[in-house]
Full PDB file with SEQRES, HELIX, SHEET, SSBOND, CRYST1, ORIGX, SCALE, CONECT and MASTER records, all heavy atoms in Angstrom:
SEQRES   1 A   31  ALA GLY ARG ILE LEU PRO TYR VAL ASP HIS VAL TRP ARG          
SEQRES   2 A   31  VAL LEU ASP GLU ARG ARG ARG ALA GLY GLU ARG ILE LEU          
SEQRES   3 A   31  PHE GLU GLY ALA GLN                                          
HELIX    1 AA1 LEU A    5  TYR A    7  5                                   3    
HELIX    2 AA2 VAL A   11  ARG A   20  1                                  10    
CRYST1    1.000    1.000    1.000  90.00  90.00  90.00 P 1           1          
ORIGX1      1.000000  0.000000  0.000000        0.00000                         
ORIGX2      0.000000  1.000000  0.000000        0.00000                         
ORIGX3      0.000000  0.000000  1.000000        0.00000                         
SCALE1      1.000000  0.000000  0.000000        0.00000                         
SCALE2      0.000000  1.000000  0.000000        0.00000                         
SCALE3      0.000000  0.000000  1.000000        0.00000                         
ATOM      1  N   ALA A   1    -135.057 133.405 -64.175  1.00  0.00           N  
ATOM      2  CA  ALA A   1    -133.602 133.730 -64.291  1.00  0.00           C  
ATOM      3  C   ALA A   1    -133.425 135.145 -64.190  1.00  0.00           C  
ATOM      4  O   ALA A   1    -132.391 135.638 -63.545  1.00  0.00           O  
ATOM      5  CB  ALA A   1    -133.154 133.128 -65.611  1.00  0.00           C  
ATOM      6  N   GLY A   2    -134.269 135.928 -64.904  1.00  0.00           N  
ATOM      7  CA  GLY A   2    -134.073 137.350 -64.929  1.00  0.00           C  
ATOM      8  C   GLY A   2    -134.227 138.048 -63.595  1.00  0.00           C  
ATOM      9  O   GLY A   2    -133.569 139.095 -63.351  1.00  0.00           O  
ATOM     10  N   ARG A   3    -134.802 137.392 -62.589  1.00  0.00           N  
ATOM     11  CA  ARG A   3    -134.995 137.844 -61.254  1.00  0.00           C  
ATOM     12  C   ARG A   3    -133.778 137.510 -60.328  1.00  0.00           C  
ATOM     13  O   ARG A   3    -133.642 138.139 -59.329  1.00  0.00           O  
ATOM     14  CB  ARG A   3    -136.214 137.362 -60.641  1.00  0.00           C  
ATOM     15  CG  ARG A   3    -137.570 137.613 -61.409  1.00  0.00           C  
ATOM     16  CD  ARG A   3    -137.961 139.102 -61.346  1.00  0.00           C  
ATOM     17  NE  ARG A   3    -138.323 139.412 -59.882  1.00  0.00           N  
ATOM     18  CZ  ARG A   3    -139.504 139.182 -59.323  1.00  0.00           C  
ATOM     19  NH1 ARG A   3    -140.559 138.500 -60.052  1.00  0.00           N  
ATOM     20  NH2 ARG A   3    -139.740 139.552 -58.134  1.00  0.00           N  
ATOM     21  N   ILE A   4    -133.076 136.494 -60.807  1.00  0.00           N  
ATOM     22  CA  ILE A   4    -131.998 136.074 -60.015  1.00  0.00           C  
ATOM     23  C   ILE A   4    -130.577 136.565 -60.319  1.00  0.00           C  
ATOM     24  O   ILE A   4    -129.723 136.950 -59.630  1.00  0.00           O  
ATOM     25  CB  ILE A   4    -131.958 134.507 -60.099  1.00  0.00           C  
ATOM     26  CG1 ILE A   4    -133.236 133.822 -59.776  1.00  0.00           C  
ATOM     27  CG2 ILE A   4    -130.829 133.891 -59.128  1.00  0.00           C  
ATOM     28  CD1 ILE A   4    -133.699 134.058 -58.308  1.00  0.00           C  
ATOM     29  N   LEU A   5    -130.428 136.570 -61.635  1.00  0.00           N  
ATOM     30  CA  LEU A   5    -129.007 136.889 -62.288  1.00  0.00           C  
ATOM     31  C   LEU A   5    -128.490 138.184 -61.867  1.00  0.00           C  
ATOM     32  O   LEU A   5    -127.133 138.353 -61.703  1.00  0.00           O  
ATOM     33  CB  LEU A   5    -129.042 136.812 -63.792  1.00  0.00           C  
ATOM     34  CG  LEU A   5    -129.151 135.380 -64.208  1.00  0.00           C  
ATOM     35  CD1 LEU A   5    -129.366 135.359 -65.834  1.00  0.00           C  
ATOM     36  CD2 LEU A   5    -127.974 134.484 -63.971  1.00  0.00           C  
ATOM     37  N   PRO A   6    -129.240 139.366 -61.696  1.00  0.00           N  
ATOM     38  CA  PRO A   6    -128.574 140.577 -61.109  1.00  0.00           C  
ATOM     39  C   PRO A   6    -127.830 140.477 -59.867  1.00  0.00           C  
ATOM     40  O   PRO A   6    -127.051 141.224 -59.495  1.00  0.00           O  
ATOM     41  CB  PRO A   6    -129.894 141.442 -61.048  1.00  0.00           C  
ATOM     42  CG  PRO A   6    -130.866 140.990 -62.046  1.00  0.00           C  
ATOM     43  CD  PRO A   6    -130.691 139.465 -61.870  1.00  0.00           C  
ATOM     44  N   TYR A   7    -128.293 139.357 -58.931  1.00  0.00           N  
ATOM     45  CA  TYR A   7    -127.610 139.275 -57.616  1.00  0.00           C  
ATOM     46  C   TYR A   7    -126.423 138.425 -57.720  1.00  0.00           C  
ATOM     47  O   TYR A   7    -125.712 138.251 -56.623  1.00  0.00           O  
ATOM     48  CB  TYR A   7    -128.722 138.693 -56.736  1.00  0.00           C  
ATOM     49  CG  TYR A   7    -129.853 139.659 -56.603  1.00  0.00           C  
ATOM     50  CD1 TYR A   7    -131.034 139.450 -57.442  1.00  0.00           C  
ATOM     51  CD2 TYR A   7    -129.907 140.502 -55.492  1.00  0.00           C  
ATOM     52  CE1 TYR A   7    -132.130 140.305 -57.089  1.00  0.00           C  
ATOM     53  CE2 TYR A   7    -130.995 141.411 -55.295  1.00  0.00           C  
ATOM     54  CZ  TYR A   7    -132.131 141.248 -56.116  1.00  0.00           C  
ATOM     55  OH  TYR A   7    -133.235 142.068 -55.965  1.00  0.00           O  
ATOM     56  N   VAL A   8    -126.076 137.711 -58.815  1.00  0.00           N  
ATOM     57  CA  VAL A   8    -125.058 136.766 -58.825  1.00  0.00           C  
ATOM     58  C   VAL A   8    -123.657 137.373 -58.937  1.00  0.00           C  
ATOM     59  O   VAL A   8    -123.443 138.380 -59.739  1.00  0.00           O  
ATOM     60  CB  VAL A   8    -125.294 135.818 -60.026  1.00  0.00           C  
ATOM     61  CG1 VAL A   8    -124.133 134.795 -60.231  1.00  0.00           C  
ATOM     62  CG2 VAL A   8    -126.585 135.163 -59.958  1.00  0.00           C  
ATOM     63  N   ASP A   9    -122.689 136.778 -58.129  1.00  0.00           N  
ATOM     64  CA  ASP A   9    -121.454 137.382 -58.189  1.00  0.00           C  
ATOM     65  C   ASP A   9    -120.376 136.424 -57.813  1.00  0.00           C  
ATOM     66  O   ASP A   9    -120.680 135.124 -57.377  1.00  0.00           O  
ATOM     67  CB  ASP A   9    -121.268 138.542 -57.175  1.00  0.00           C  
ATOM     68  CG  ASP A   9    -120.216 139.611 -57.491  1.00  0.00           C  
ATOM     69  OD1 ASP A   9    -119.354 139.300 -58.223  1.00  0.00           O  
ATOM     70  OD2 ASP A   9    -120.519 140.771 -57.218  1.00  0.00           O  
ATOM     71  N   HIS A  10    -119.073 136.646 -58.013  1.00  0.00           N  
ATOM     72  CA  HIS A  10    -118.008 135.894 -57.564  1.00  0.00           C  
ATOM     73  C   HIS A  10    -117.825 136.066 -55.980  1.00  0.00           C  
ATOM     74  O   HIS A  10    -116.959 136.814 -55.548  1.00  0.00           O  
ATOM     75  CB  HIS A  10    -116.705 136.115 -58.267  1.00  0.00           C  
ATOM     76  CG  HIS A  10    -116.738 136.349 -59.688  1.00  0.00           C  
ATOM     77  ND1 HIS A  10    -117.227 135.368 -60.614  1.00  0.00           N  
ATOM     78  CD2 HIS A  10    -116.579 137.460 -60.527  1.00  0.00           C  
ATOM     79  CE1 HIS A  10    -117.193 135.739 -61.752  1.00  0.00           C  
ATOM     80  NE2 HIS A  10    -116.996 137.152 -61.834  1.00  0.00           N  
ATOM     81  N   VAL A  11    -118.567 135.383 -55.141  1.00  0.00           N  
ATOM     82  CA  VAL A  11    -118.654 135.702 -53.735  1.00  0.00           C  
ATOM     83  C   VAL A  11    -117.326 135.373 -53.086  1.00  0.00           C  
ATOM     84  O   VAL A  11    -117.041 136.274 -52.150  1.00  0.00           O  
ATOM     85  CB  VAL A  11    -119.863 134.798 -53.166  1.00  0.00           C  
ATOM     86  CG1 VAL A  11    -119.573 134.654 -51.643  1.00  0.00           C  
ATOM     87  CG2 VAL A  11    -121.133 135.542 -53.372  1.00  0.00           C  
ATOM     88  N   TRP A  12    -116.508 134.362 -53.469  1.00  0.00           N  
ATOM     89  CA  TRP A  12    -115.171 134.137 -52.800  1.00  0.00           C  
ATOM     90  C   TRP A  12    -114.409 135.347 -53.012  1.00  0.00           C  
ATOM     91  O   TRP A  12    -113.759 135.795 -52.034  1.00  0.00           O  
ATOM     92  CB  TRP A  12    -114.633 132.901 -53.383  1.00  0.00           C  
ATOM     93  CG  TRP A  12    -114.259 133.102 -54.926  1.00  0.00           C  
ATOM     94  CD1 TRP A  12    -115.019 132.755 -56.005  1.00  0.00           C  
ATOM     95  CD2 TRP A  12    -112.986 133.684 -55.497  1.00  0.00           C  
ATOM     96  NE1 TRP A  12    -114.398 133.176 -57.251  1.00  0.00           N  
ATOM     97  CE2 TRP A  12    -113.169 133.604 -56.880  1.00  0.00           C  
ATOM     98  CE3 TRP A  12    -111.840 134.225 -54.937  1.00  0.00           C  
ATOM     99  CZ2 TRP A  12    -112.101 134.073 -57.689  1.00  0.00           C  
ATOM    100  CZ3 TRP A  12    -110.919 134.595 -55.651  1.00  0.00           C  
ATOM    101  CH2 TRP A  12    -111.039 134.558 -57.151  1.00  0.00           C  
ATOM    102  N   ARG A  13    -114.433 136.066 -54.172  1.00  0.00           N  
ATOM    103  CA  ARG A  13    -113.592 137.302 -54.463  1.00  0.00           C  
ATOM    104  C   ARG A  13    -114.124 138.421 -53.585  1.00  0.00           C  
ATOM    105  O   ARG A  13    -113.302 139.232 -52.963  1.00  0.00           O  
ATOM    106  CB  ARG A  13    -113.482 137.594 -55.858  1.00  0.00           C  
ATOM    107  CG  ARG A  13    -112.394 138.595 -56.136  1.00  0.00           C  
ATOM    108  CD  ARG A  13    -112.025 138.703 -57.611  1.00  0.00           C  
ATOM    109  NE  ARG A  13    -113.165 139.059 -58.459  1.00  0.00           N  
ATOM    110  CZ  ARG A  13    -113.200 139.073 -59.817  1.00  0.00           C  
ATOM    111  NH1 ARG A  13    -112.194 138.628 -60.409  1.00  0.00           N  
ATOM    112  NH2 ARG A  13    -114.103 139.494 -60.416  1.00  0.00           N  
ATOM    113  N   VAL A  14    -115.438 138.631 -53.451  1.00  0.00           N  
ATOM    114  CA  VAL A  14    -116.037 139.693 -52.771  1.00  0.00           C  
ATOM    115  C   VAL A  14    -115.583 139.603 -51.391  1.00  0.00           C  
ATOM    116  O   VAL A  14    -115.187 140.466 -50.625  1.00  0.00           O  
ATOM    117  CB  VAL A  14    -117.534 139.681 -52.908  1.00  0.00           C  
ATOM    118  CG1 VAL A  14    -118.226 140.658 -51.963  1.00  0.00           C  
ATOM    119  CG2 VAL A  14    -118.068 139.971 -54.226  1.00  0.00           C  
ATOM    120  N   LEU A  15    -115.676 138.438 -50.809  1.00  0.00           N  
ATOM    121  CA  LEU A  15    -115.367 138.146 -49.384  1.00  0.00           C  
ATOM    122  C   LEU A  15    -113.917 138.377 -49.173  1.00  0.00           C  
ATOM    123  O   LEU A  15    -113.576 138.907 -48.022  1.00  0.00           O  
ATOM    124  CB  LEU A  15    -115.791 136.693 -48.935  1.00  0.00           C  
ATOM    125  CG  LEU A  15    -117.333 136.534 -48.721  1.00  0.00           C  
ATOM    126  CD1 LEU A  15    -117.577 135.112 -48.448  1.00  0.00           C  
ATOM    127  CD2 LEU A  15    -117.816 137.265 -47.545  1.00  0.00           C  
ATOM    128  N   ASP A  16    -113.003 137.975 -50.149  1.00  0.00           N  
ATOM    129  CA  ASP A  16    -111.600 138.183 -49.820  1.00  0.00           C  
ATOM    130  C   ASP A  16    -111.310 139.632 -49.891  1.00  0.00           C  
ATOM    131  O   ASP A  16    -110.563 140.143 -48.982  1.00  0.00           O  
ATOM    132  CB  ASP A  16    -110.874 137.557 -51.060  1.00  0.00           C  
ATOM    133  CG  ASP A  16    -109.397 137.580 -50.822  1.00  0.00           C  
ATOM    134  OD1 ASP A  16    -108.823 137.120 -49.734  1.00  0.00           O  
ATOM    135  OD2 ASP A  16    -108.582 138.035 -51.746  1.00  0.00           O  
ATOM    136  N   GLU A  17    -111.950 140.406 -50.657  1.00  0.00           N  
ATOM    137  CA  GLU A  17    -111.616 141.792 -50.786  1.00  0.00           C  
ATOM    138  C   GLU A  17    -112.206 142.556 -49.601  1.00  0.00           C  
ATOM    139  O   GLU A  17    -111.460 143.360 -48.917  1.00  0.00           O  
ATOM    140  CB  GLU A  17    -112.355 142.473 -51.953  1.00  0.00           C  
ATOM    141  CG  GLU A  17    -111.880 142.004 -53.390  1.00  0.00           C  
ATOM    142  CD  GLU A  17    -112.594 142.423 -54.553  1.00  0.00           C  
ATOM    143  OE1 GLU A  17    -113.827 142.972 -54.288  1.00  0.00           O  
ATOM    144  OE2 GLU A  17    -112.157 142.239 -55.675  1.00  0.00           O  
ATOM    145  N   ARG A  18    -113.376 142.123 -49.007  1.00  0.00           N  
ATOM    146  CA  ARG A  18    -113.926 142.761 -47.794  1.00  0.00           C  
ATOM    147  C   ARG A  18    -113.040 142.465 -46.517  1.00  0.00           C  
ATOM    148  O   ARG A  18    -112.820 143.358 -45.697  1.00  0.00           O  
ATOM    149  CB  ARG A  18    -115.357 142.281 -47.579  1.00  0.00           C  
ATOM    150  CG  ARG A  18    -116.297 142.728 -48.708  1.00  0.00           C  
ATOM    151  CD  ARG A  18    -116.617 144.131 -48.711  1.00  0.00           C  
ATOM    152  NE  ARG A  18    -117.424 144.704 -49.661  1.00  0.00           N  
ATOM    153  CZ  ARG A  18    -118.697 145.236 -49.406  1.00  0.00           C  
ATOM    154  NH1 ARG A  18    -119.059 145.402 -48.227  1.00  0.00           N  
ATOM    155  NH2 ARG A  18    -119.416 145.613 -50.423  1.00  0.00           N  
ATOM    156  N   ARG A  19    -112.513 141.153 -46.503  1.00  0.00           N  
ATOM    157  CA  ARG A  19    -111.779 140.766 -45.399  1.00  0.00           C  
ATOM    158  C   ARG A  19    -110.545 141.585 -45.441  1.00  0.00           C  
ATOM    159  O   ARG A  19    -110.023 141.954 -44.324  1.00  0.00           O  
ATOM    160  CB  ARG A  19    -111.495 139.293 -45.431  1.00  0.00           C  
ATOM    161  CG  ARG A  19    -110.782 138.670 -44.339  1.00  0.00           C  
ATOM    162  CD  ARG A  19    -110.755 137.218 -44.334  1.00  0.00           C  
ATOM    163  NE  ARG A  19    -109.874 136.722 -45.410  1.00  0.00           N  
ATOM    164  CZ  ARG A  19    -108.555 136.605 -45.358  1.00  0.00           C  
ATOM    165  NH1 ARG A  19    -107.997 136.939 -44.290  1.00  0.00           N  
ATOM    166  NH2 ARG A  19    -107.840 136.291 -46.376  1.00  0.00           N  
ATOM    167  N   ARG A  20    -109.868 141.663 -46.589  1.00  0.00           N  
ATOM    168  CA  ARG A  20    -108.628 142.435 -46.676  1.00  0.00           C  
ATOM    169  C   ARG A  20    -108.790 143.919 -46.370  1.00  0.00           C  
ATOM    170  O   ARG A  20    -107.796 144.587 -45.833  1.00  0.00           O  
ATOM    171  CB  ARG A  20    -107.909 142.294 -47.956  1.00  0.00           C  
ATOM    172  CG  ARG A  20    -107.462 140.899 -48.348  1.00  0.00           C  
ATOM    173  CD  ARG A  20    -106.937 140.764 -49.732  1.00  0.00           C  
ATOM    174  NE  ARG A  20    -106.441 139.393 -50.037  1.00  0.00           N  
ATOM    175  CZ  ARG A  20    -105.355 138.842 -49.758  1.00  0.00           C  
ATOM    176  NH1 ARG A  20    -104.408 139.603 -49.199  1.00  0.00           N  
ATOM    177  NH2 ARG A  20    -105.234 137.629 -50.151  1.00  0.00           N  
ATOM    178  N   ALA A  21    -110.071 144.411 -46.550  1.00  0.00           N  
ATOM    179  CA  ALA A  21    -110.234 145.765 -46.302  1.00  0.00           C  
ATOM    180  C   ALA A  21    -110.497 146.082 -44.704  1.00  0.00           C  
ATOM    181  O   ALA A  21    -110.848 147.058 -44.257  1.00  0.00           O  
ATOM    182  CB  ALA A  21    -111.378 146.288 -47.047  1.00  0.00           C  
ATOM    183  N   GLY A  22    -110.552 144.821 -43.900  1.00  0.00           N  
ATOM    184  CA  GLY A  22    -110.762 144.978 -42.617  1.00  0.00           C  
ATOM    185  C   GLY A  22    -112.184 145.082 -42.099  1.00  0.00           C  
ATOM    186  O   GLY A  22    -112.482 145.425 -40.992  1.00  0.00           O  
ATOM    187  N   GLU A  23    -113.069 144.640 -42.949  1.00  0.00           N  
ATOM    188  CA  GLU A  23    -114.539 144.722 -42.565  1.00  0.00           C  
ATOM    189  C   GLU A  23    -114.821 143.495 -41.723  1.00  0.00           C  
ATOM    190  O   GLU A  23    -114.263 142.407 -41.829  1.00  0.00           O  
ATOM    191  CB  GLU A  23    -115.380 144.731 -43.918  1.00  0.00           C  
ATOM    192  CG  GLU A  23    -115.201 145.884 -44.649  1.00  0.00           C  
ATOM    193  CD  GLU A  23    -116.305 146.073 -45.766  1.00  0.00           C  
ATOM    194  OE1 GLU A  23    -117.222 145.332 -45.849  1.00  0.00           O  
ATOM    195  OE2 GLU A  23    -116.142 147.039 -46.622  1.00  0.00           O  
ATOM    196  N   ARG A  24    -115.922 143.610 -40.865  1.00  0.00           N  
ATOM    197  CA  ARG A  24    -116.347 142.558 -40.012  1.00  0.00           C  
ATOM    198  C   ARG A  24    -117.303 141.737 -40.765  1.00  0.00           C  
ATOM    199  O   ARG A  24    -118.388 142.075 -41.342  1.00  0.00           O  
ATOM    200  CB  ARG A  24    -117.004 143.161 -38.652  1.00  0.00           C  
ATOM    201  CG  ARG A  24    -116.049 143.823 -37.812  1.00  0.00           C  
ATOM    202  CD  ARG A  24    -116.811 144.627 -36.810  1.00  0.00           C  
ATOM    203  NE  ARG A  24    -115.936 144.976 -35.639  1.00  0.00           N  
ATOM    204  CZ  ARG A  24    -116.366 145.686 -34.654  1.00  0.00           C  
ATOM    205  NH1 ARG A  24    -117.702 145.895 -34.472  1.00  0.00           N  
ATOM    206  NH2 ARG A  24    -115.442 145.959 -33.705  1.00  0.00           N  
ATOM    207  N   ILE A  25    -117.053 140.319 -40.743  1.00  0.00           N  
ATOM    208  CA  ILE A  25    -117.849 139.272 -41.424  1.00  0.00           C  
ATOM    209  C   ILE A  25    -118.591 138.444 -40.433  1.00  0.00           C  
ATOM    210  O   ILE A  25    -117.968 137.987 -39.565  1.00  0.00           O  
ATOM    211  CB  ILE A  25    -117.144 138.609 -42.424  1.00  0.00           C  
ATOM    212  CG1 ILE A  25    -116.418 139.515 -43.406  1.00  0.00           C  
ATOM    213  CG2 ILE A  25    -118.074 137.616 -43.309  1.00  0.00           C  
ATOM    214  CD1 ILE A  25    -115.409 138.752 -44.276  1.00  0.00           C  
ATOM    215  N   LEU A  26    -119.930 138.419 -40.617  1.00  0.00           N  
ATOM    216  CA  LEU A  26    -120.752 137.540 -39.776  1.00  0.00           C  
ATOM    217  C   LEU A  26    -121.154 136.317 -40.598  1.00  0.00           C  
ATOM    218  O   LEU A  26    -121.926 136.500 -41.490  1.00  0.00           O  
ATOM    219  CB  LEU A  26    -121.832 138.235 -39.092  1.00  0.00           C  
ATOM    220  CG  LEU A  26    -122.710 137.451 -38.152  1.00  0.00           C  
ATOM    221  CD1 LEU A  26    -122.133 136.894 -36.906  1.00  0.00           C  
ATOM    222  CD2 LEU A  26    -123.962 138.379 -37.811  1.00  0.00           C  
ATOM    223  N   PHE A  27    -120.746 135.127 -40.194  1.00  0.00           N  
ATOM    224  CA  PHE A  27    -121.219 133.895 -40.852  1.00  0.00           C  
ATOM    225  C   PHE A  27    -122.366 133.257 -40.134  1.00  0.00           C  
ATOM    226  O   PHE A  27    -122.270 132.834 -38.974  1.00  0.00           O  
ATOM    227  CB  PHE A  27    -120.138 133.030 -40.939  1.00  0.00           C  
ATOM    228  CG  PHE A  27    -118.886 133.389 -41.748  1.00  0.00           C  
ATOM    229  CD1 PHE A  27    -117.688 134.006 -41.179  1.00  0.00           C  
ATOM    230  CD2 PHE A  27    -118.887 133.205 -43.108  1.00  0.00           C  
ATOM    231  CE1 PHE A  27    -116.853 134.510 -41.798  1.00  0.00           C  
ATOM    232  CE2 PHE A  27    -117.710 133.576 -43.906  1.00  0.00           C  
ATOM    233  CZ  PHE A  27    -116.620 134.377 -43.147  1.00  0.00           C  
ATOM    234  N   GLU A  28    -123.558 133.288 -40.728  1.00  0.00           N  
ATOM    235  CA  GLU A  28    -124.786 132.740 -40.117  1.00  0.00           C  
ATOM    236  C   GLU A  28    -125.099 131.438 -40.405  1.00  0.00           C  
ATOM    237  O   GLU A  28    -125.527 131.016 -41.486  1.00  0.00           O  
ATOM    238  CB  GLU A  28    -125.893 133.711 -40.612  1.00  0.00           C  
ATOM    239  CG  GLU A  28    -127.152 133.515 -40.075  1.00  0.00           C  
ATOM    240  CD  GLU A  28    -128.327 134.369 -40.872  1.00  0.00           C  
ATOM    241  OE1 GLU A  28    -128.014 135.001 -41.661  1.00  0.00           O  
ATOM    242  OE2 GLU A  28    -129.569 134.056 -40.385  1.00  0.00           O  
ATOM    243  N   GLY A  29    -125.109 130.589 -39.439  1.00  0.00           N  
ATOM    244  CA  GLY A  29    -125.413 129.182 -39.579  1.00  0.00           C  
ATOM    245  C   GLY A  29    -127.022 129.003 -39.506  1.00  0.00           C  
ATOM    246  O   GLY A  29    -127.571 129.765 -38.847  1.00  0.00           O  
ATOM    247  N   ALA A  30    -127.406 127.883 -40.002  1.00  0.00           N  
ATOM    248  CA  ALA A  30    -128.746 127.463 -39.747  1.00  0.00           C  
ATOM    249  C   ALA A  30    -128.923 126.100 -39.230  1.00  0.00           C  
ATOM    250  O   ALA A  30    -127.880 125.301 -39.103  1.00  0.00           O  
ATOM    251  CB  ALA A  30    -129.457 127.492 -41.310  1.00  0.00           C  
ATOM    252  N   GLN A  31    -130.162 125.656 -38.765  1.00  0.00           N  
ATOM    253  CA  GLN A  31    -130.295 124.469 -37.884  1.00  0.00           C  
ATOM    254  C   GLN A  31    -129.331 124.417 -36.780  1.00  0.00           C  
ATOM    255  O   GLN A  31    -129.036 125.363 -36.207  1.00  0.00           O  
ATOM    256  CB  GLN A  31    -130.024 123.168 -38.844  1.00  0.00           C  
ATOM    257  CG  GLN A  31    -131.221 123.005 -40.022  1.00  0.00           C  
ATOM    258  CD  GLN A  31    -130.908 123.795 -41.300  1.00  0.00           C  
ATOM    259  OE1 GLN A  31    -129.749 123.852 -41.742  1.00  0.00           O  
ATOM    260  NE2 GLN A  31    -131.849 124.386 -41.765  1.00  0.00           N  
TER     261      GLN A  31                                                      
MASTER        0    0    0    2    0    0    0    6  260    1    0    3          
END                                                                             
């Protein structure tokens, strides 16, 4: 847990902020 938790965030909000700021987002699919 201690190795994972520092990376955890409200990702939906981070993405919303970045998108509104005009940053380019690349969504990477697998398979």
